[in-house]
């Protein structure tokens, strides 16, 4: 059981060694890491351990090396806690030539050895020169190398938008289209295209992978083209009312049009204007995309179609659901004068006049009748009519400032 626990502990140490290796500080911003080998074992007296690694490309190879007490009780008989010994470490190339050597005392502290190696196959040899004692060890070998990189790995784009992708070499120098080893590809040219100089253009919504291929190796950027949309799907306006529609997620030229220009018009900037009562659709056309906004124009109405005023009495008219400029006029200014906005002033003589409101080629009218509604006149006019006993006549003094006498409210139409 104790042996299994020790093996489990050894595995945990290997995992920890992975973590330590991945946290080695790197100066360059674009550095790749490849774990080439992890191993633990025992080198006996005057023995050696040999294993092989393959370096994928020119790299700085880091060897994290430390002692490990695999059989903890072996050295305790000699009064020594843990492992002990002297090691020799060599790196040989495929021709069995020694490229790197290091020796020292094995210990429980991490010892990081570094050697620059070209891409290829190598052999690492760990030897124990001691004739009377072996040692346990654990190590990891990591290849670190600067790699070519794209300036973007992912990007969200709007339809019609452009993006410049740049591939940089190991020395952070841009690789231009003049380099014949460089080529560009797209996984879907219907969504995003790429030029020889690395210019990406978003065509329609979707995702595509743009890749720079250099000497057979790909460096990719995921392009997501977002769906264009209108800021409003429906709008309600008055006659003459205006509103500007905007398209999101699109940098392309937009063509605007209306299904009925007599109801709603739209200009090249997406500004809509109510022209006539009804409902029409406004469209934003972006390439193959056609966005729609339903526009309803309210029907304008005048506040009153008939009015009765007394001599000198004031009142006003208004037009509902109209945002356009209104021009007011009276068919007989001697009977009723009209000002802006729709203020009425009755004259001193009875009569009728038509008040007209004009806006955007449309007209609304109100017939105004002016009568003498002073107390004495009304009393004489209705003196022969038989009134019920409970009929009440009273004076309404609202218009006394006009100096035309008190008006009265009564049950007869004046």
Protein backbone atom coordinates (compact mmCIF):
# COMPACT_ATOMS: atom_id res chain seq x y z
CA UNK A 1 0.00 0.00 0.00
CA UNK A 2 2.81 2.41 0.94
CA UNK A 3 4.42 1.80 -2.45
CA UNK A 4 1.20 2.74 -4.28
CA UNK A 5 0.90 5.90 -2.24
CA UNK A 6 4.46 6.82 -3.11
CA UNK A 7 3.75 6.27 -6.82
CA UNK A 8 0.65 8.42 -6.57
CA UNK A 9 2.71 11.11 -4.92
CA UNK A 10 5.21 10.85 -7.73
CA UNK A 11 2.50 11.41 -10.33
CA UNK A 12 1.31 14.46 -8.44
CA UNK A 13 4.83 15.82 -8.49
CA UNK A 14 4.96 15.30 -12.25
CA UNK A 15 1.74 17.31 -12.60
CA UNK A 16 3.16 20.04 -10.42
CA UNK A 17 6.22 20.04 -12.60
CA UNK A 18 3.96 20.68 -15.63
CA UNK A 19 2.50 23.68 -13.89
CA UNK A 20 5.90 25.03 -12.91
CA UNK A 21 7.13 24.60 -16.46
CA UNK A 22 4.22 26.51 -17.92
CA UNK A 23 4.90 29.42 -15.57
CA UNK A 24 8.49 30.01 -16.69
CA UNK A 25 8.74 33.76 -17.41
CA UNK A 26 9.12 34.52 -21.12
CA UNK A 27 10.37 37.86 -22.39
CA UNK A 28 8.77 37.72 -25.82
CA UNK A 29 5.03 38.28 -26.16
CA UNK A 30 4.51 35.59 -28.81
CA UNK A 31 6.11 32.44 -27.38
CA UNK A 32 4.83 28.92 -27.89
CA UNK A 33 5.53 26.00 -25.55
CA UNK A 34 5.65 22.29 -26.22
CA UNK A 35 6.17 19.72 -23.47
CA UNK A 36 8.54 17.20 -25.04
CA UNK A 37 9.05 14.75 -22.20
CA UNK A 38 8.27 14.12 -18.55
CA UNK A 39 9.92 11.33 -16.65
CA UNK A 40 10.86 9.98 -13.25
CA UNK A 41 13.13 7.09 -12.41
CA UNK A 42 16.23 5.86 -10.64
CA UNK A 43 19.85 5.96 -11.79
CA UNK A 44 21.84 3.29 -10.00
CA UNK A 45 25.50 3.24 -9.14
CA UNK A 46 27.59 3.95 -12.25
CA UNK A 47 24.46 3.72 -14.41
CA UNK A 48 22.80 6.04 -16.92
CA UNK A 49 19.29 6.71 -18.22
CA UNK A 50 18.79 7.54 -21.91
CA UNK A 51 15.73 8.92 -23.69
CA UNK A 52 14.97 10.74 -26.89
CA UNK A 53 13.17 14.00 -27.70
CA UNK A 54 12.02 15.60 -30.95
CA UNK A 55 12.26 19.40 -31.12
CA UNK A 56 9.56 20.69 -33.56
CA UNK A 57 11.43 23.86 -34.51
CA UNK A 58 14.30 26.04 -33.41
CA UNK A 59 13.72 26.39 -29.68
CA UNK A 60 15.09 27.17 -26.29
CA UNK A 61 14.77 23.84 -24.50
CA UNK A 62 14.20 24.02 -20.75
CA UNK A 63 15.00 20.97 -18.60
CA UNK A 64 13.44 21.12 -15.14
CA UNK A 65 15.47 18.66 -13.07
CA UNK A 66 15.21 17.64 -9.41
CA UNK A 67 15.82 14.76 -7.08
CA UNK A 68 13.05 12.56 -5.74
CA UNK A 69 13.02 10.06 -2.89
CA UNK A 70 11.35 7.06 -4.53
CA UNK A 71 12.54 4.57 -1.90
CA UNK A 72 12.66 6.84 1.09
CA UNK A 73 13.72 4.17 3.53
CA UNK A 74 16.85 3.09 1.61
CA UNK A 75 18.97 6.04 2.65
CA UNK A 76 17.48 6.31 6.12
CA UNK A 77 19.52 3.21 7.04
CA UNK A 78 22.61 5.31 6.39
CA UNK A 79 21.22 8.27 8.32
CA UNK A 80 20.49 10.27 5.15
CA UNK A 81 17.07 11.80 4.59
CA UNK A 82 15.97 11.60 0.95
CA UNK A 83 17.99 11.05 -2.22
CA UNK A 84 21.61 11.90 -2.79
CA UNK A 85 24.11 11.69 -5.62
CA UNK A 86 26.09 13.35 -8.34
CA UNK A 87 24.63 13.57 -11.85
CA UNK A 88 25.98 14.20 -15.34
CA UNK A 89 23.50 15.36 -18.01
CA UNK A 90 24.32 15.43 -21.72
CA UNK A 91 22.34 16.38 -24.82
CA UNK A 92 23.41 14.59 -28.01
CA UNK A 93 22.33 15.29 -31.57
CA UNK A 94 21.31 12.69 -34.15
CA UNK A 95 25.01 12.20 -34.99
CA UNK A 96 25.65 11.34 -31.35
CA UNK A 97 27.66 14.52 -30.91
CA UNK A 98 27.50 16.22 -27.52
CA UNK A 99 25.82 19.64 -27.72
CA UNK A 100 25.37 20.36 -24.06
CA UNK A 101 26.68 19.04 -20.74
CA UNK A 102 25.87 19.81 -17.13
CA UNK A 103 26.84 18.14 -13.87
CA UNK A 104 26.22 18.69 -10.19
CA UNK A 105 24.62 17.36 -7.05
CA UNK A 106 21.08 16.12 -7.27
CA UNK A 107 18.79 17.92 -4.82
CA UNK A 108 15.11 18.42 -4.04
CA UNK A 109 15.19 21.97 -5.39
CA UNK A 110 14.25 22.68 -9.00
CA UNK A 111 17.20 23.10 -11.27
CA UNK A 112 16.43 24.62 -14.68
CA UNK A 113 18.88 23.90 -17.46
CA UNK A 114 18.58 25.75 -20.78
CA UNK A 115 19.96 24.88 -24.18
CA UNK A 116 19.17 26.32 -27.61
CA UNK A 117 18.44 23.56 -30.11
CA UNK A 118 17.54 23.53 -33.76
CA UNK A 119 14.58 21.50 -34.96
CA UNK A 120 15.44 17.83 -34.98
CA UNK A 121 15.93 14.65 -32.93
CA UNK A 122 18.05 14.58 -29.78
CA UNK A 123 19.06 12.23 -26.98
CA UNK A 124 19.30 13.20 -23.32
CA UNK A 125 21.56 11.07 -21.13
CA UNK A 126 21.50 11.25 -17.31
CA UNK A 127 24.47 9.44 -15.69
CA UNK A 128 25.46 8.64 -12.13
CA UNK A 129 29.22 8.51 -11.64
CA UNK A 130 28.93 7.43 -8.02
CA UNK A 131 30.01 3.82 -7.45
CA UNK A 132 28.27 3.35 -4.12
CA UNK A 133 24.88 5.07 -4.30
CA UNK A 134 22.14 5.71 -6.85
CA UNK A 135 19.62 8.56 -6.94
CA UNK A 136 16.01 9.09 -7.88
CA UNK A 137 15.06 11.93 -10.24
CA UNK A 138 12.08 13.65 -11.87
CA UNK A 139 12.22 16.13 -14.73
CA UNK A 140 10.29 17.76 -17.55
CA UNK A 141 11.59 18.99 -20.89
CA UNK A 142 9.88 21.94 -22.55
CA UNK A 143 10.62 23.54 -25.90
CA UNK A 144 9.96 27.27 -25.97
CA UNK A 145 10.08 29.15 -29.22
CA UNK A 146 8.96 32.42 -30.69
CA UNK A 147 6.44 31.91 -33.43
CA UNK A 148 4.90 33.89 -36.22
CA UNK A 149 1.64 35.51 -35.13
CA UNK A 150 -1.39 37.30 -36.53
CA UNK A 151 -2.36 40.64 -35.03
CA UNK A 152 -5.87 39.22 -34.44
CA UNK A 153 -7.09 35.79 -33.40
CA UNK A 154 -10.80 36.69 -33.40
CA UNK A 155 -12.77 39.67 -34.64
CA UNK A 156 -16.42 40.73 -34.82
CA UNK A 157 -17.25 42.72 -37.92
CA UNK A 158 -20.20 44.54 -39.44
CA UNK A 159 -21.34 43.89 -42.99
CA UNK A 160 -19.17 45.95 -45.33
CA UNK A 161 -16.50 46.58 -42.70
CA UNK A 162 -12.81 45.98 -43.47
CA UNK A 163 -9.99 44.68 -41.27
CA UNK A 164 -6.25 44.52 -41.93
CA UNK A 165 -4.67 41.26 -40.75
CA UNK A 166 -0.88 41.29 -40.37
CA UNK A 167 1.43 38.29 -39.95
CA UNK A 168 4.59 39.03 -37.97
CA UNK A 169 7.75 36.94 -37.88
CA UNK A 170 9.81 35.82 -34.88
CA UNK A 171 11.43 39.26 -34.70
CA UNK A 172 8.06 41.04 -34.74
CA UNK A 173 8.64 42.24 -38.31
CA UNK A 174 5.61 42.36 -40.60
CA UNK A 175 5.57 39.85 -43.43
CA UNK A 176 4.28 41.52 -46.58
CA UNK A 177 2.70 40.15 -49.77
CA UNK A 178 6.09 40.31 -51.49
CA UNK A 179 7.11 37.23 -49.47
CA UNK A 180 6.23 34.30 -51.73
CA UNK A 181 6.02 31.95 -48.75
CA UNK A 182 2.91 33.79 -47.54
CA UNK A 183 -0.60 33.17 -48.82
CA UNK A 184 -4.08 33.96 -47.48
CA UNK A 185 -7.19 31.79 -47.46
CA UNK A 186 -10.80 32.06 -46.28
CA UNK A 187 -13.06 29.21 -45.27
CA UNK A 188 -16.11 30.94 -46.77
CA UNK A 189 -15.75 33.75 -49.29
CA UNK A 190 -19.51 34.37 -49.16
CA UNK A 191 -19.09 35.60 -45.58
CA UNK A 192 -15.63 37.19 -45.59
CA UNK A 193 -13.03 37.69 -48.29
CA UNK A 194 -9.28 38.21 -47.92
CA UNK A 195 -6.90 40.00 -50.29
CA UNK A 196 -3.25 39.22 -50.96
CA UNK A 197 -2.30 42.08 -48.67
CA UNK A 198 -4.37 40.74 -45.73
CA UNK A 199 -7.44 42.97 -46.08
CA UNK A 200 -10.56 41.20 -44.78
CA UNK A 201 -13.95 42.39 -46.01
CA UNK A 202 -17.18 41.31 -44.31
CA UNK A 203 -19.78 40.30 -46.92
CA UNK A 204 -22.76 38.83 -45.06
CA UNK A 205 -23.64 37.51 -41.57
CA UNK A 206 -21.92 34.33 -40.46
CA UNK A 207 -18.52 33.01 -39.39
CA UNK A 208 -15.43 32.33 -41.47
CA UNK A 209 -11.84 31.41 -40.70
CA UNK A 210 -9.20 33.59 -42.31
CA UNK A 211 -5.76 31.96 -42.42
CA UNK A 212 -2.29 33.15 -43.24
CA UNK A 213 -0.35 30.18 -44.61
CA UNK A 214 3.42 30.52 -44.29
CA UNK A 215 5.71 27.70 -45.36
CA UNK A 216 2.86 25.22 -44.94
CA UNK A 217 1.84 26.37 -41.43
CA UNK A 218 -1.47 28.12 -40.75
CA UNK A 219 -2.07 31.13 -38.52
CA UNK A 220 -5.82 31.74 -38.28
CA UNK A 221 -8.29 34.40 -37.21
CA UNK A 222 -11.98 33.68 -36.67
CA UNK A 223 -14.17 36.34 -38.29
CA UNK A 224 -17.76 36.73 -37.10
CA UNK A 225 -19.90 38.97 -39.29
CA UNK A 226 -22.87 40.19 -37.31
CA UNK A 227 -26.39 40.48 -38.71
CA UNK A 228 -27.40 44.05 -39.64
CA UNK A 229 -30.52 45.43 -38.00
CA UNK A 230 -32.72 48.54 -37.92
CA UNK A 231 -33.01 50.53 -34.72
CA UNK A 232 -36.83 50.43 -35.15
CA UNK A 233 -39.11 47.79 -36.63
CA UNK A 234 -42.18 50.04 -36.50
CA UNK A 235 -42.76 53.79 -36.19
CA UNK A 236 -45.92 55.89 -35.76
CA UNK A 237 -45.78 59.52 -36.91
CA UNK A 238 -48.00 62.52 -37.42
CA UNK A 239 -48.41 64.20 -40.77
CA UNK A 240 -45.14 66.11 -41.26
CA UNK A 241 -43.46 64.17 -38.46
CA UNK A 242 -39.88 63.00 -38.98
CA UNK A 243 -37.70 60.20 -37.64
CA UNK A 244 -34.26 58.88 -38.60
CA UNK A 245 -33.82 55.14 -39.02
CA UNK A 246 -30.35 53.73 -38.39
CA UNK A 247 -28.76 50.43 -39.40
CA UNK A 248 -26.55 48.59 -36.93
CA UNK A 249 -23.78 46.11 -37.79
CA UNK A 250 -23.23 47.48 -41.28
CA UNK A 251 -20.63 49.75 -42.82
CA UNK A 252 -21.76 49.26 -46.40
CA UNK A 253 -23.68 51.72 -48.54
CA UNK A 254 -27.39 51.55 -47.74
CA UNK A 255 -30.17 52.04 -50.25
CA UNK A 256 -33.38 53.41 -48.73
CA UNK A 257 -36.83 53.20 -50.30
CA UNK A 258 -40.52 53.45 -49.40
CA UNK A 259 -43.36 51.21 -50.49
CA UNK A 260 -45.59 54.31 -50.83
CA UNK A 261 -44.05 57.75 -51.10
CA UNK A 262 -47.49 59.37 -50.79
CA UNK A 263 -47.70 58.06 -47.22
CA UNK A 264 -44.07 58.18 -46.08
CA UNK A 265 -40.89 59.34 -47.77
CA UNK A 266 -37.28 58.48 -46.89
CA UNK A 267 -34.04 60.19 -47.89
CA UNK A 268 -30.53 58.79 -48.41
CA UNK A 269 -29.71 59.21 -44.72
CA UNK A 270 -32.66 57.13 -43.52
CA UNK A 271 -34.81 60.10 -42.41
CA UNK A 272 -38.51 59.34 -42.87
CA UNK A 273 -41.30 61.91 -43.10
CA UNK A 274 -45.06 61.46 -42.84
CA UNK A 275 -46.80 62.58 -46.03
CA UNK A 276 -50.29 61.12 -45.91
CA UNK A 277 -52.59 59.05 -43.74
CA UNK A 278 -52.05 55.31 -43.87
CA UNK A 279 -49.41 52.61 -43.48
CA UNK A 280 -46.33 51.94 -45.61
CA UNK A 281 -43.03 50.11 -45.31
CA UNK A 282 -39.58 51.65 -45.43
CA UNK A 283 -36.73 49.41 -46.56
CA UNK A 284 -32.98 49.51 -45.99
CA UNK A 285 -31.24 47.43 -48.65
CA UNK A 286 -27.68 46.30 -47.84
CA UNK A 287 -26.39 44.00 -50.51
CA UNK A 288 -28.57 40.89 -50.32
CA UNK A 289 -30.07 41.99 -47.00
CA UNK A 290 -33.39 43.85 -46.96
CA UNK A 291 -34.46 45.35 -43.63
CA UNK A 292 -38.05 46.58 -43.10
CA UNK A 293 -39.70 49.13 -40.85
CA UNK A 294 -43.49 49.51 -40.75
CA UNK A 295 -44.54 53.17 -40.63
CA UNK A 296 -48.04 54.33 -39.67
CA UNK A 297 -49.11 57.94 -40.28
CA UNK A 298 -51.95 59.16 -38.09
CA UNK A 299 -55.00 60.89 -39.65
CA UNK A 300 -55.07 64.62 -38.78
CA UNK A 301 -58.36 66.06 -37.45
CA UNK A 302 -59.53 69.53 -36.50
CA UNK A 303 -60.75 70.09 -32.97
CA UNK A 304 -64.21 71.31 -34.13
CA UNK A 305 -66.05 71.41 -37.44
CA UNK A 306 -68.74 73.87 -36.24
CA UNK A 307 -68.64 76.64 -33.68
CA UNK A 308 -70.96 79.40 -32.42
CA UNK A 309 -69.45 82.59 -31.04
CA UNK A 310 -70.97 85.70 -29.59
CA UNK A 311 -69.92 89.22 -30.54
CA UNK A 312 -66.26 89.74 -29.68
CA UNK A 313 -65.95 86.25 -28.22
CA UNK A 314 -62.58 84.48 -28.40
CA UNK A 315 -61.83 80.80 -28.94
CA UNK A 316 -59.26 78.64 -30.67
CA UNK A 317 -58.95 75.72 -33.03
CA UNK A 318 -56.23 73.11 -33.25
CA UNK A 319 -55.28 70.26 -35.57
CA UNK A 320 -54.53 66.93 -33.95
CA UNK A 321 -51.85 64.53 -35.26
CA UNK A 322 -50.12 67.15 -37.34
CA UNK A 323 -46.45 68.09 -37.00
CA UNK A 324 -46.32 70.15 -40.19
CA UNK A 325 -46.54 73.93 -40.39
CA UNK A 326 -50.20 75.03 -40.54
CA UNK A 327 -51.50 78.10 -42.37
CA UNK A 328 -54.82 79.48 -41.00
CA UNK A 329 -57.26 81.65 -42.94
CA UNK A 330 -60.83 83.03 -42.64
CA UNK A 331 -63.33 83.33 -45.47
CA UNK A 332 -64.72 86.55 -43.88
CA UNK A 333 -62.43 88.47 -41.56
CA UNK A 334 -65.25 90.91 -40.74
CA UNK A 335 -67.08 88.04 -39.07
CA UNK A 336 -64.18 86.07 -37.58
CA UNK A 337 -60.47 86.74 -37.57
CA UNK A 338 -58.01 83.88 -37.13
CA UNK A 339 -54.44 84.12 -36.00
CA UNK A 340 -51.64 81.65 -35.32
CA UNK A 341 -52.03 79.05 -33.99
CA UNK A 342 -55.76 78.90 -34.66
CA UNK A 343 -56.82 81.73 -32.31
CA UNK A 344 -60.28 83.08 -33.19
CA UNK A 345 -61.76 86.54 -32.55
CA UNK A 346 -65.41 87.16 -33.44
CA UNK A 347 -66.47 90.51 -34.86
CA UNK A 348 -69.38 92.78 -33.78
CA UNK A 349 -71.78 91.69 -36.51
CA UNK A 350 -73.61 88.42 -36.95
CA UNK A 351 -72.62 86.17 -39.84
CA UNK A 352 -70.78 83.05 -40.87
CA UNK A 353 -67.19 82.39 -41.89
CA UNK A 354 -65.19 79.29 -42.74
CA UNK A 355 -61.87 78.85 -40.97
CA UNK A 356 -59.38 76.82 -43.02
CA UNK A 357 -56.20 75.05 -41.85
CA UNK A 358 -53.78 74.20 -44.67
CA UNK A 359 -50.73 71.94 -44.36
CA UNK A 360 -48.78 69.79 -46.82
CA UNK A 361 -51.40 70.17 -49.56
CA UNK A 362 -54.27 69.19 -47.24
CA UNK A 363 -57.09 71.31 -45.74
CA UNK A 364 -59.36 71.05 -42.72
CA UNK A 365 -62.29 73.42 -42.19
CA UNK A 366 -64.54 74.71 -39.43
CA UNK A 367 -67.76 76.71 -39.96
CA UNK A 368 -68.05 79.51 -37.39
CA UNK A 369 -71.36 81.29 -36.79
CA UNK A 370 -71.33 84.61 -34.97
CA UNK A 371 -74.54 85.65 -33.16
CA UNK A 372 -75.68 88.31 -30.74
CA UNK A 373 -75.91 86.39 -27.47
CA UNK A 374 -76.30 89.32 -25.07
CA UNK A 375 -78.97 89.00 -22.36
CA UNK A 376 -81.50 91.50 -23.75
CA UNK A 377 -81.35 90.06 -27.29
CA UNK A 378 -81.89 86.50 -26.17
CA UNK A 379 -84.69 87.51 -23.83
CA UNK A 380 -86.61 89.32 -26.61
CA UNK A 381 -86.05 86.50 -29.07
CA UNK A 382 -87.51 83.88 -26.77
CA UNK A 383 -90.10 85.93 -24.88
CA UNK A 384 -92.98 84.31 -26.77
CA UNK A 385 -91.77 80.78 -26.11
CA UNK A 386 -93.48 78.92 -23.30
CA UNK A 387 -90.97 77.92 -20.69
CA UNK A 388 -91.47 75.24 -18.10
CA UNK A 389 -91.76 76.33 -14.53
CA UNK A 390 -88.46 74.70 -13.57
CA UNK A 391 -86.47 76.42 -16.36
CA UNK A 392 -83.67 78.51 -14.86
CA UNK A 393 -82.13 81.48 -16.65
CA UNK A 394 -78.80 82.67 -15.30
CA UNK A 395 -76.15 85.14 -16.22
CA UNK A 396 -72.77 83.87 -17.48
CA UNK A 397 -70.29 86.64 -16.77
CA UNK A 398 -67.26 85.06 -18.50
CA UNK A 399 -67.37 87.60 -21.35
CA UNK A 400 -68.18 90.75 -19.41
CA UNK A 401 -64.73 92.13 -20.21
CA UNK A 402 -65.79 92.39 -23.85
CA UNK A 403 -68.30 95.10 -22.86
CA UNK A 404 -71.02 93.60 -25.00
CA UNK A 405 -73.29 92.86 -22.08
CA UNK A 406 -73.85 89.76 -20.02
CA UNK A 407 -74.51 86.52 -21.86
CA UNK A 408 -76.97 83.97 -20.61
CA UNK A 409 -77.28 80.22 -20.70
CA UNK A 410 -80.71 78.92 -21.63
CA UNK A 411 -82.34 75.76 -22.93
CA UNK A 412 -82.73 77.00 -26.52
CA UNK A 413 -80.20 76.81 -29.33
CA UNK A 414 -79.04 80.32 -30.04
